[in-house]
Amino acid sequence: MSTSSQRTIFHVDMDAFFVSVEELFDPSLKGKPVVVGGQPDERGVVSAASYAARKFGVHSAMPLRTAAKLCPQAIFVNGHPERYREYSGKVHEVLGHFSPLVEMASVDEAYLDMTGTERLHGRPLHSAHRLHDAMKAATQLNCSIGIGTSRLIAKVCSAKAKPNGVLWVLPGEEAKFLAPLAVGDIPGVGKVMEQKLHGIGIQKVGDLARLDDRDLEHRFGKWGLALAGKSRGEDAGGWFDTEVGESVDPKSISHEHTFDEDTGDAERLQSTLMRLSEMVGRRLREGGFFARTLQLKLRYKDFSTITRAHSLDEPTQMDNQIFDQARRLFFANWKPGAPVRLLGVQASNFESGSAQLDLLEPSRMQDERWQKALAAADHLRDKFGESAIGLARGMKGGFRERTHENPVGLPGKTGEKKNEPRKT
């Protein structure tokens, strides 16, 4: 296949994004060990760590208390999700000037299909450096760019180019590039799969590539075939099966909260459920989804956990209806007075579309008023942040929005065409 017919994919990964944005607002943080995600005495996890903190073994998803033990001199920052959404929007805007096919994989990374853009932007390496400079000028943030014939190669390249670098694997060199890398470097290979591969003598990607596809399928099923393709540098398995920029609807939307101190206060627990219901409802409306199934997650002090689900007669995306079901599930399963460590609300079994609204039916008229009120609330949150407004019942359950990679308002992820009031 000639290079002119090869795909050219960029993976743009913002360097230490959460920390870098915090440094823009507080330059005194530069060069210091910084941990974003909460305070050292809290039960949460690390959302991001500066390169200085990483030298002490601190990494994302690590308990905050563990990070404090590894790096007691670290500066702990709660995080500002509204700032990250703002700068993610700026990143998305820059990327849109280079390709119409942009896929925000998370708040701080994206794929671009740059195939056929050479006349406009030049050869891949040249256009990558132009993008590098444009990103710095528009956001004051650094990024790393990987270039390849697949998303997989581009993602591995950007990881190897960090920080603030560009790496291009030429067409035809994919297998050679991957062969000496650890199997854990392959996107999608987690700790469990890595251990399984090590158990059968596979340490490097090259070891994986030498196995027969049928052998891998026999050992690991469909995931084995995906591994075989990945070892050759192909996009295979999971969301790699779609095209860059193609919309993939989520299977579920959930939010959960871990209390800093276990609580058996029924009012506080209900308020927390209200706040979680608001967050789930917001995500549903953002995507234009209506959930038919709602689920409660309840974890006690001793870590025993129960989940209970209920399917609705009519799907919903409204906070009050989500809360009503979550509260019913909670009181049907909670041991009164028992200290609770964590609560979670999940929506799934999505539907979209609409039919004619019967305005003569009182309940439908009330639903329409709720829809208008929540649409107005969403508009205020878009403008002033997620904590700008909320239902009164959730005020006592107020807690910081968790800093994570896939927040509400992720650029390019809103379902604008689908996000219309459901008519029944």
Protein backbone atom coordinates (compact mmCIF):
# COMPACT_ATOMS: atom_id res chain seq x y z
CA MET A 1 0.00 0.00 0.00
CA SER A 2 1.43 3.39 -0.95
CA THR A 3 1.97 6.02 1.69
CA SER A 4 -0.48 8.29 -0.14
CA SER A 5 -3.31 5.86 0.70
CA GLN A 6 -2.22 5.29 4.29
CA ARG A 7 -4.19 6.80 7.14
CA THR A 8 -2.44 9.45 9.20
CA ILE A 9 -3.65 9.60 12.80
CA PHE A 10 -2.48 12.03 15.48
CA HIS A 11 -2.88 11.41 19.20
CA VAL A 12 -2.56 14.67 21.11
CA ASP A 13 -2.04 14.27 24.86
CA MET A 14 -1.81 17.33 27.08
CA ASP A 15 1.15 17.07 29.46
CA ALA A 16 0.15 16.82 33.16
CA PHE A 17 -3.03 18.65 32.17
CA PHE A 18 -4.73 19.20 35.55
CA VAL A 19 -1.47 20.27 37.19
CA SER A 20 -0.49 22.49 34.26
CA VAL A 21 -3.83 24.32 34.36
CA GLU A 22 -3.43 24.85 38.11
CA GLU A 23 0.04 26.31 37.46
CA LEU A 24 -1.47 28.89 35.10
CA PHE A 25 -3.57 30.23 37.98
CA ASP A 26 -0.84 29.79 40.61
CA PRO A 27 2.66 30.04 39.07
CA SER A 28 4.24 29.31 42.47
CA LEU A 29 3.33 25.62 41.91
CA LYS A 30 5.72 25.25 38.96
CA GLY A 31 8.49 22.74 39.52
CA LYS A 32 7.03 21.55 42.84
CA PRO A 33 5.48 18.19 43.75
CA VAL A 34 1.75 18.83 43.25
CA VAL A 35 -1.12 16.40 43.74
CA VAL A 36 -4.57 17.24 42.33
CA GLY A 37 -7.70 15.54 43.61
CA GLY A 38 -8.16 16.40 47.27
CA GLN A 39 -6.45 16.78 50.61
CA PRO A 40 -4.00 14.29 52.18
CA ASP A 41 -6.40 13.28 54.96
CA GLU A 42 -9.31 12.51 52.61
CA ARG A 43 -10.47 9.15 51.31
CA GLY A 44 -10.37 10.13 47.66
CA VAL A 45 -7.82 9.25 45.02
CA VAL A 46 -5.19 11.19 43.10
CA SER A 47 -6.53 12.69 39.87
CA ALA A 48 -3.14 13.90 38.66
CA ALA A 49 0.40 14.41 39.89
CA SER A 50 3.13 16.73 38.69
CA TYR A 51 6.31 15.23 37.27
CA ALA A 52 8.09 16.25 40.48
CA ALA A 53 5.57 14.25 42.54
CA ARG A 54 5.77 11.25 40.20
CA LYS A 55 9.44 10.88 41.08
CA PHE A 56 8.28 9.79 44.54
CA GLY A 57 5.99 7.12 43.11
CA VAL A 58 2.79 9.16 43.21
CA HIS A 59 0.40 8.41 40.35
CA SER A 60 -3.23 8.84 39.36
CA ALA A 61 -5.87 6.60 40.99
CA MET A 62 -3.64 6.19 44.07
CA PRO A 63 -5.34 6.89 47.43
CA LEU A 64 -4.61 10.43 48.59
CA ARG A 65 -3.42 9.16 51.96
CA THR A 66 -0.90 6.87 50.25
CA ALA A 67 0.35 9.78 48.16
CA ALA A 68 0.84 11.81 51.33
CA LYS A 69 2.98 9.04 52.84
CA LEU A 70 5.11 8.71 49.69
CA CYS A 71 5.54 12.45 49.27
CA PRO A 72 4.74 14.33 52.51
CA GLN A 73 6.13 17.56 51.08
CA ALA A 74 3.63 17.54 48.21
CA ILE A 75 1.17 20.40 47.74
CA PHE A 76 -2.37 18.97 47.63
CA VAL A 77 -4.94 20.79 45.49
CA ASN A 78 -8.66 20.00 45.45
CA GLY A 79 -8.90 20.68 41.75
CA HIS A 80 -11.10 22.97 39.67
CA PRO A 81 -13.15 20.96 37.14
CA GLU A 82 -14.66 24.11 35.66
CA ARG A 83 -11.16 25.32 34.72
CA TYR A 84 -10.30 21.99 33.14
CA ARG A 85 -13.50 22.06 31.06
CA GLU A 86 -12.66 25.60 29.93
CA TYR A 87 -9.14 24.66 28.82
CA SER A 88 -10.32 21.40 27.28
CA GLY A 89 -12.63 23.55 25.16
CA LYS A 90 -9.65 25.65 24.08
CA VAL A 91 -7.74 22.49 23.18
CA HIS A 92 -10.68 21.23 21.13
CA GLU A 93 -10.90 24.54 19.29
CA VAL A 94 -7.22 24.39 18.29
CA LEU A 95 -7.57 20.81 17.07
CA GLY A 96 -10.57 21.76 14.96
CA HIS A 97 -8.35 24.08 12.91
CA PHE A 98 -6.23 21.10 11.83
CA SER A 99 -8.85 18.45 11.05
CA PRO A 100 -12.65 18.18 10.94
CA LEU A 101 -12.34 14.66 12.37
CA VAL A 102 -11.55 15.15 16.05
CA GLU A 103 -12.34 12.68 18.82
CA MET A 104 -11.89 13.84 22.40
CA ALA A 105 -10.96 10.58 24.14
CA SER A 106 -10.95 12.40 27.47
CA VAL A 107 -10.69 15.92 28.85
CA ASP A 108 -6.95 16.06 28.04
CA GLU A 109 -6.38 13.83 25.00
CA ALA A 110 -7.73 13.55 21.48
CA TYR A 111 -7.34 11.72 18.20
CA LEU A 112 -7.24 13.54 14.86
CA ASP A 113 -7.60 11.91 11.45
CA MET A 114 -5.09 13.93 9.42
CA THR A 115 -5.40 11.78 6.30
CA GLY A 116 -5.44 13.95 3.18
CA THR A 117 -4.48 17.19 4.92
CA GLU A 118 -0.90 17.42 3.57
CA ARG A 119 -1.73 20.15 1.03
CA LEU A 120 -3.19 22.28 3.80
CA HIS A 121 -0.84 21.55 6.69
CA GLY A 122 2.21 19.85 5.18
CA ARG A 123 3.77 16.47 5.90
CA PRO A 124 2.83 14.78 9.20
CA LEU A 125 5.93 15.83 11.14
CA HIS A 126 5.67 19.41 9.90
CA SER A 127 1.96 19.67 10.70
CA ALA A 128 2.56 18.14 14.15
CA HIS A 129 5.08 20.84 14.99
CA ARG A 130 2.65 23.48 13.71
CA LEU A 131 -0.04 22.00 15.95
CA HIS A 132 2.42 21.92 18.84
CA ASP A 133 3.12 25.63 18.43
CA ALA A 134 -0.55 26.54 17.93
CA MET A 135 -1.53 24.70 21.12
CA LYS A 136 1.11 26.49 23.16
CA ALA A 137 0.10 29.88 21.76
CA ALA A 138 -3.62 29.37 22.40
CA THR A 139 -3.52 27.66 25.80
CA GLN A 140 -0.02 28.23 27.25
CA LEU A 141 0.06 24.45 27.79
CA ASN A 142 2.42 21.80 26.48
CA CYS A 143 1.31 18.67 24.67
CA SER A 144 2.85 15.52 23.25
CA ILE A 145 1.87 14.25 19.81
CA GLY A 146 2.07 10.72 18.47
CA ILE A 147 1.72 10.01 14.75
CA GLY A 148 0.91 6.67 13.13
CA THR A 149 -1.28 4.80 10.69
CA SER A 150 -3.62 3.76 13.51
CA ARG A 151 -4.93 5.19 16.75
CA LEU A 152 -3.07 2.50 18.67
CA ILE A 153 0.31 3.45 17.20
CA ALA A 154 -0.41 7.16 17.65
CA LYS A 155 -1.33 6.66 21.32
CA VAL A 156 1.77 4.60 22.09
CA CYS A 157 3.90 7.22 20.30
CA SER A 158 2.51 10.13 22.31
CA ALA A 159 3.26 8.26 25.54
CA LYS A 160 6.85 7.71 24.41
CA ALA A 161 7.16 11.36 23.30
CA LYS A 162 6.30 12.77 26.75
CA PRO A 163 6.82 15.37 27.87
CA ASN A 164 6.36 18.02 25.19
CA GLY A 165 7.58 15.91 22.26
CA VAL A 166 6.56 14.54 18.87
CA LEU A 167 7.09 10.96 17.67
CA TRP A 168 6.20 9.53 14.25
CA VAL A 169 6.32 5.86 13.31
CA LEU A 170 6.61 5.64 9.52
CA PRO A 171 4.14 3.44 7.62
CA GLY A 172 5.40 -0.14 7.49
CA GLU A 173 7.51 0.21 10.65
CA GLU A 174 4.72 -0.47 13.15
CA ALA A 175 5.63 -4.04 14.15
CA LYS A 176 9.32 -3.15 14.42
CA PHE A 177 8.51 -0.20 16.68
CA LEU A 178 6.24 -2.23 18.95
CA ALA A 179 8.34 -5.42 19.22
CA PRO A 180 10.73 -4.32 22.03
CA LEU A 181 8.01 -2.65 24.11
CA ALA A 182 6.48 -4.25 27.23
CA VAL A 183 3.05 -5.79 26.63
CA GLY A 184 1.72 -3.41 29.29
CA ASP A 185 2.43 -0.54 26.86
CA ILE A 186 -0.37 -1.73 24.59
CA PRO A 187 -3.53 0.35 25.17
CA GLY A 188 -6.17 -1.81 26.79
CA VAL A 189 -3.77 -4.25 28.44
CA GLY A 190 -4.34 -3.77 32.16
CA LYS A 191 -2.54 -5.28 35.13
CA VAL A 192 -4.63 -8.47 35.13
CA MET A 193 -4.10 -9.20 31.44
CA GLU A 194 -0.44 -8.28 31.74
CA GLN A 195 -0.02 -10.86 34.49
CA LYS A 196 -1.82 -13.49 32.41
CA LEU A 197 0.49 -12.82 29.46
CA HIS A 198 3.55 -12.96 31.69
CA GLY A 199 2.25 -16.29 32.97
CA ILE A 200 2.55 -17.81 29.50
CA GLY A 201 5.97 -16.29 28.87
CA ILE A 202 4.95 -13.15 26.99
CA GLN A 203 6.92 -10.14 28.19
CA LYS A 204 7.34 -8.03 25.05
CA VAL A 205 4.98 -7.12 22.24
CA GLY A 206 7.26 -9.03 19.90
CA ASP A 207 6.63 -12.19 21.95
CA LEU A 208 2.91 -11.63 21.46
CA ALA A 209 3.25 -11.05 17.73
CA ARG A 210 4.95 -14.43 17.27
CA LEU A 211 1.92 -16.33 18.59
CA ASP A 212 -0.67 -17.66 16.19
CA ASP A 213 -3.97 -15.75 16.10
CA ARG A 214 -5.92 -18.96 16.69
CA ASP A 215 -3.84 -19.76 19.77
CA LEU A 216 -4.58 -16.33 21.24
CA GLU A 217 -8.28 -16.70 20.42
CA HIS A 218 -8.33 -20.11 22.10
CA ARG A 219 -6.69 -18.68 25.23
CA PHE A 220 -8.50 -15.35 25.52
CA GLY A 221 -11.51 -15.47 23.18
CA LYS A 222 -12.34 -12.32 21.17
CA TRP A 223 -9.90 -10.33 23.27
CA GLY A 224 -7.17 -12.70 22.08
CA LEU A 225 -7.89 -11.78 18.46
CA ALA A 226 -7.83 -8.11 19.42
CA LEU A 227 -4.43 -8.65 21.08
CA ALA A 228 -3.10 -10.24 17.90
CA GLY A 229 -4.15 -7.21 15.88
CA LYS A 230 -2.78 -4.78 18.45
CA SER A 231 0.61 -6.54 18.38
CA ARG A 232 0.81 -5.64 14.68
CA GLY A 233 -0.14 -2.02 15.33
CA GLU A 234 -3.75 -2.35 14.20
CA ASP A 235 -6.79 -0.72 15.76
CA ALA A 236 -8.60 -3.70 17.26
CA GLY A 237 -11.00 -4.26 20.13
CA GLY A 238 -13.30 -1.97 22.05
CA TRP A 239 -13.62 1.61 20.87
CA PHE A 240 -10.67 1.08 18.51
CA ASP A 241 -13.19 -0.64 16.21
CA THR A 242 -14.85 2.69 15.38
CA GLU A 243 -13.67 5.52 13.16
CA VAL A 244 -12.11 8.70 14.54
CA GLY A 245 -14.90 11.13 15.40
CA GLU A 246 -17.61 8.47 15.20
CA SER A 247 -20.11 8.81 18.03
CA VAL A 248 -20.21 5.86 20.44
CA ASP A 249 -23.00 6.02 22.96
CA PRO A 250 -22.21 5.02 26.55
CA LYS A 251 -23.86 1.94 28.06
CA SER A 252 -24.42 3.63 31.41
CA ILE A 253 -23.87 6.89 33.30
CA SER A 254 -23.03 6.89 36.99
CA HIS A 255 -21.75 9.07 39.79
CA GLU A 256 -20.74 8.05 43.28
CA HIS A 257 -19.44 9.71 46.42
CA THR A 258 -17.24 8.37 49.22
CA PHE A 259 -17.81 10.18 52.51
CA ASP A 260 -14.74 11.45 54.34
CA GLU A 261 -16.32 10.01 57.48
CA ASP A 262 -18.91 7.23 57.49
CA THR A 263 -22.37 8.57 58.23
CA GLY A 264 -25.73 7.18 59.30
CA ASP A 265 -27.46 10.58 59.10
CA ALA A 266 -30.55 9.86 56.99
CA GLU A 267 -30.98 13.51 55.94
CA ARG A 268 -27.38 13.81 54.78
CA LEU A 269 -27.62 10.51 52.93
CA GLN A 270 -30.77 11.63 51.12
CA SER A 271 -29.17 14.97 50.25
CA THR A 272 -26.18 13.12 48.80
CA LEU A 273 -28.50 10.96 46.72
CA MET A 274 -30.16 14.14 45.43
CA ARG A 275 -26.82 15.62 44.39
CA LEU A 276 -25.79 12.38 42.68
CA SER A 277 -29.14 12.24 40.89
CA GLU A 278 -28.59 15.79 39.63
CA MET A 279 -25.18 14.85 38.27
CA VAL A 280 -26.54 11.76 36.50
CA GLY A 281 -29.49 13.71 35.10
CA ARG A 282 -27.15 16.38 33.79
CA ARG A 283 -25.11 13.79 31.92
CA LEU A 284 -28.26 12.20 30.49
CA ARG A 285 -29.52 15.52 29.14
CA GLU A 286 -26.09 16.39 27.79
CA GLY A 287 -26.09 13.18 25.75
CA GLY A 288 -29.74 13.31 24.84
CA PHE A 289 -30.43 10.00 26.62
CA PHE A 290 -33.46 8.78 28.55
CA ALA A 291 -32.75 6.02 31.07
CA ARG A 292 -35.19 3.20 31.70
CA THR A 293 -33.12 1.50 34.42
CA LEU A 294 -31.82 3.20 37.59
CA GLN A 295 -29.46 1.59 40.08
CA LEU A 296 -28.37 2.36 43.64
CA LYS A 297 -24.94 1.48 44.99
CA LEU A 298 -24.63 1.32 48.79
CA ARG A 299 -21.39 0.53 50.63
CA TYR A 300 -21.23 0.19 54.40
CA LYS A 301 -18.41 0.92 56.83
CA ASP A 302 -17.16 -2.68 56.62
CA PHE A 303 -16.93 -2.38 52.79
CA SER A 304 -19.88 -4.73 52.24
CA THR A 305 -21.61 -3.43 49.12
CA ILE A 306 -25.05 -3.93 47.65
CA THR A 307 -26.52 -2.78 44.31
CA ARG A 308 -30.22 -2.61 43.58
CA ALA A 309 -31.86 -1.64 40.28
CA HIS A 310 -35.35 -0.70 39.17
CA SER A 311 -36.76 -0.43 35.63
CA LEU A 312 -39.17 2.44 34.95
CA ASP A 313 -42.39 2.30 32.97
CA GLU A 314 -41.30 5.49 31.22
CA PRO A 315 -37.62 6.37 30.66
CA THR A 316 -36.39 9.63 32.19
CA GLN A 317 -33.60 12.19 32.23
CA MET A 318 -35.04 14.36 35.00
CA ASP A 319 -33.26 14.81 38.32
CA ASN A 320 -36.37 14.62 40.48
CA GLN A 321 -37.51 11.32 38.97
CA ILE A 322 -34.05 9.80 39.28
CA PHE A 323 -33.90 10.89 42.92
CA ASP A 324 -37.34 9.47 43.71
CA GLN A 325 -36.26 6.03 42.54
CA ALA A 326 -32.82 6.23 44.18
CA ARG A 327 -34.41 7.21 47.50
CA ARG A 328 -36.93 4.35 47.32
CA LEU A 329 -34.17 1.84 46.61
CA PHE A 330 -32.11 3.30 49.44
CA PHE A 331 -34.75 3.06 52.16
CA ALA A 332 -35.78 -0.40 50.98
CA ASN A 333 -32.23 -1.68 51.53
CA TRP A 334 -30.50 0.53 54.11
CA LYS A 335 -30.15 -0.69 57.67
CA PRO A 336 -31.46 2.39 59.55
CA GLY A 337 -28.64 4.12 61.39
CA ALA A 338 -25.93 1.94 59.85
CA PRO A 339 -22.87 4.03 58.88
CA VAL A 340 -22.51 4.39 55.11
CA ARG A 341 -19.15 4.77 53.40
CA LEU A 342 -20.25 5.28 49.78
CA LEU A 343 -23.35 6.01 47.74
CA GLY A 344 -23.73 5.78 43.98
CA VAL A 345 -26.47 6.34 41.39
CA GLN A 346 -26.36 4.79 37.92
CA ALA A 347 -28.61 5.14 34.87
CA SER A 348 -28.64 2.63 32.01
CA ASN A 349 -30.81 1.00 29.34
CA PHE A 350 -30.91 4.21 27.31
CA GLU A 351 -33.50 5.33 24.79
CA SER A 352 -33.77 8.39 22.58
CA GLY A 353 -36.48 9.83 20.36
CA SER A 354 -39.80 11.43 21.08
CA ALA A 355 -43.55 11.35 20.52
CA GLN A 356 -46.27 13.95 20.92
CA LEU A 357 -46.70 15.49 24.36
CA ASP A 358 -50.24 15.42 25.78
CA LEU A 359 -50.48 18.81 27.45
CA LEU A 360 -53.98 18.08 28.74
CA GLU A 361 -52.67 15.50 31.20
CA PRO A 362 -51.54 17.22 34.47
CA SER A 363 -48.55 14.93 35.03
CA ARG A 364 -47.28 15.65 31.51
CA MET A 365 -47.64 19.37 32.07
CA GLN A 366 -45.63 19.05 35.28
CA ASP A 367 -42.95 17.06 33.43
CA GLU A 368 -42.71 19.81 30.84
CA ARG A 369 -42.22 22.43 33.58
CA TRP A 370 -39.47 20.29 35.11
CA GLN A 371 -37.80 19.93 31.73
CA LYS A 372 -37.76 23.68 31.20
CA ALA A 373 -36.46 24.33 34.72
CA LEU A 374 -33.67 21.77 34.37
CA ALA A 375 -32.73 23.11 30.93
CA ALA A 376 -32.35 26.56 32.49
CA ALA A 377 -30.26 25.08 35.33
CA ASP A 378 -28.00 23.33 32.81
CA HIS A 379 -27.50 26.63 31.00
CA LEU A 380 -26.40 28.31 34.25
CA ARG A 381 -24.02 25.42 35.00
CA ASP A 382 -22.52 25.71 31.53
CA LYS A 383 -21.87 29.38 32.20
CA PHE A 384 -20.89 29.43 35.87
CA GLY A 385 -19.84 25.87 36.75
CA GLU A 386 -21.50 22.71 38.03
CA SER A 387 -21.99 24.05 41.58
CA ALA A 388 -23.75 27.22 40.40
CA ILE A 389 -27.24 25.85 41.00
CA GLY A 390 -28.96 22.79 42.41
CA LEU A 391 -32.15 21.50 43.95
CA ALA A 392 -32.65 22.52 47.60
CA ARG A 393 -32.86 18.90 48.75
CA GLY A 394 -29.27 18.31 47.65
CA MET A 395 -27.72 21.30 49.43
CA LYS A 396 -26.79 19.40 52.59
CA GLY A 397 -25.23 16.71 50.44
CA GLY A 398 -23.01 19.18 48.66
CA PHE A 399 -19.57 17.86 47.83
CA ARG A 400 -16.85 18.76 45.40
CA GLU A 401 -17.22 17.52 41.87
CA ARG A 402 -14.59 14.83 41.48
CA THR A 403 -11.76 15.74 39.14
CA HIS A 404 -11.63 13.07 36.47
CA GLU A 405 -10.94 12.56 32.77
CA ASN A 406 -14.53 12.40 31.52
CA PRO A 407 -16.49 15.21 33.16
CA VAL A 408 -19.78 16.78 32.19
CA GLY A 409 -19.31 19.19 29.31
CA LEU A 410 -16.52 17.31 27.52
CA PRO A 411 -15.95 19.14 24.18
CA GLY A 412 -17.29 17.30 21.16
CA LYS A 413 -19.29 14.86 23.32
CA THR A 414 -22.57 16.73 23.68
CA GLY A 415 -25.59 15.25 21.97
CA GLU A 416 -26.91 18.52 20.58
CA LYS A 417 -29.16 16.95 17.95
CA LYS A 418 -30.59 14.39 20.32
CA ASN A 419 -30.84 16.58 23.37
CA GLU A 420 -34.44 17.66 23.03
CA PRO A 421 -37.25 17.34 25.57
CA ARG A 422 -38.84 13.92 25.33
CA LYS A 423 -42.50 14.07 24.30
CA THR A 424 -44.80 11.24 25.31
